[in-house]
Amino acid sequence: MALNQRRLKILNLIREDGHAKVQDLSKIFKVTDVTIRQDLEELEKMGYIEREHGGCLLYTSDAAD
């Protein structure tokens, strides 16, 4: 299943900075915080990111090291 366009753009922003905040993404994409949280939840399920309070981090396989 391919990522929709917004989720792909969100993922690209997270890859650039290594992290992102829900509020910032909400403003950038002009959607609600709830919508961004749902997008982040899907990206996390797919193994791309790790969610944290208020935002997310880019998933790295050596994050636990």
C-alpha atoms as a PDB file:
ATOM      1  CA  MET A   1       0.000   0.000   0.000  1.00  0.00           C
ATOM      2  CA  ALA A   2       1.460   3.351  -1.074  1.00  0.00           C
ATOM      3  CA  LEU A   3       1.536   6.350   1.221  1.00  0.00           C
ATOM      4  CA  ASN A   4      -0.882   9.078   0.285  1.00  0.00           C
ATOM      5  CA  GLN A   5       0.607  12.373  -0.831  1.00  0.00           C
ATOM      6  CA  ARG A   6       0.352  14.157   2.542  1.00  0.00           C
ATOM      7  CA  ARG A   7       1.910  11.275   4.450  1.00  0.00           C
ATOM      8  CA  LEU A   8       4.742  11.108   1.970  1.00  0.00           C
ATOM      9  CA  LYS A   9       5.376  14.846   2.387  1.00  0.00           C
ATOM     10  CA  ILE A  10       5.217  14.478   6.185  1.00  0.00           C
ATOM     11  CA  LEU A  11       7.757  11.675   6.019  1.00  0.00           C
ATOM     12  CA  ASN A  12      10.059  13.760   3.822  1.00  0.00           C
ATOM     13  CA  LEU A  13       9.903  16.663   6.317  1.00  0.00           C
ATOM     14  CA  ILE A  14      10.715  14.306   9.181  1.00  0.00           C
ATOM     15  CA  ARG A  15      13.642  12.873   7.212  1.00  0.00           C
ATOM     16  CA  GLU A  16      15.031  16.381   6.652  1.00  0.00           C
ATOM     17  CA  ASP A  17      14.914  17.407  10.326  1.00  0.00           C
ATOM     18  CA  GLY A  18      14.922  14.032  12.082  1.00  0.00           C
ATOM     19  CA  HIS A  19      11.806  15.034  14.019  1.00  0.00           C
ATOM     20  CA  ALA A  20       8.553  16.975  13.775  1.00  0.00           C
ATOM     21  CA  LYS A  21       5.865  18.439  16.042  1.00  0.00           C
ATOM     22  CA  VAL A  22       2.165  17.784  15.558  1.00  0.00           C
ATOM     23  CA  GLN A  23       1.300  21.484  15.817  1.00  0.00           C
ATOM     24  CA  ASP A  24       3.882  22.456  13.194  1.00  0.00           C
ATOM     25  CA  LEU A  25       2.717  19.781  10.762  1.00  0.00           C
ATOM     26  CA  SER A  26      -0.885  20.795  11.350  1.00  0.00           C
ATOM     27  CA  LYS A  27      -0.096  24.372  10.342  1.00  0.00           C
ATOM     28  CA  ILE A  28       2.000  23.364   7.342  1.00  0.00           C
ATOM     29  CA  PHE A  29      -0.665  21.067   5.899  1.00  0.00           C
ATOM     30  CA  LYS A  30      -3.672  23.099   7.110  1.00  0.00           C
ATOM     31  CA  VAL A  31      -5.330  20.115   8.776  1.00  0.00           C
ATOM     32  CA  THR A  32      -6.325  19.381  12.369  1.00  0.00           C
ATOM     33  CA  ASP A  33      -3.996  17.961  14.995  1.00  0.00           C
ATOM     34  CA  VAL A  34      -6.175  14.833  14.990  1.00  0.00           C
ATOM     35  CA  THR A  35      -5.533  14.306  11.271  1.00  0.00           C
ATOM     36  CA  ILE A  36      -1.773  14.669  11.760  1.00  0.00           C
ATOM     37  CA  ARG A  37      -1.842  12.248  14.696  1.00  0.00           C
ATOM     38  CA  GLN A  38      -3.637   9.705  12.498  1.00  0.00           C
ATOM     39  CA  ASP A  39      -1.032  10.188   9.777  1.00  0.00           C
ATOM     40  CA  LEU A  40       1.788   9.748  12.285  1.00  0.00           C
ATOM     41  CA  GLU A  41       0.112   6.648  13.708  1.00  0.00           C
ATOM     42  CA  GLU A  42       0.054   5.078  10.242  1.00  0.00           C
ATOM     43  CA  LEU A  43       3.666   6.052   9.561  1.00  0.00           C
ATOM     44  CA  GLU A  44       4.641   4.492  12.886  1.00  0.00           C
ATOM     45  CA  LYS A  45       2.762   1.274  12.080  1.00  0.00           C
ATOM     46  CA  MET A  46       4.693   1.121   8.812  1.00  0.00           C
ATOM     47  CA  GLY A  47       7.970   1.426  10.725  1.00  0.00           C
ATOM     48  CA  TYR A  48       9.093   4.826   9.416  1.00  0.00           C
ATOM     49  CA  ILE A  49       8.862   6.907  12.604  1.00  0.00           C
ATOM     50  CA  GLU A  50       8.642   6.697  16.375  1.00  0.00           C
ATOM     51  CA  ARG A  51       5.954   8.785  18.000  1.00  0.00           C
ATOM     52  CA  GLU A  52       6.638  10.834  21.106  1.00  0.00           C
ATOM     53  CA  HIS A  53       4.562  13.260  23.122  1.00  0.00           C
ATOM     54  CA  GLY A  54       3.599  16.105  20.796  1.00  0.00           C
ATOM     55  CA  GLY A  55       5.400  14.815  17.744  1.00  0.00           C
ATOM     56  CA  CYS A  56       7.665  12.147  16.346  1.00  0.00           C
ATOM     57  CA  LEU A  57      11.220  11.132  15.526  1.00  0.00           C
ATOM     58  CA  LEU A  58      12.607   9.451  12.466  1.00  0.00           C
ATOM     59  CA  TYR A  59      12.921   5.749  13.200  1.00  0.00           C
ATOM     60  CA  THR A  60      16.438   4.427  13.207  1.00  0.00           C
ATOM     61  CA  SER A  61      17.256   0.782  13.769  1.00  0.00           C
ATOM     62  CA  ASP A  62      20.019   1.749  16.181  1.00  0.00           C
ATOM     63  CA  ALA A  63      17.820   4.044  18.294  1.00  0.00           C
ATOM     64  CA  ALA A  64      18.153   1.672  21.257  1.00  0.00           C
ATOM     65  CA  ASP A  65      21.969   1.575  21.112  1.00  0.00           C
END
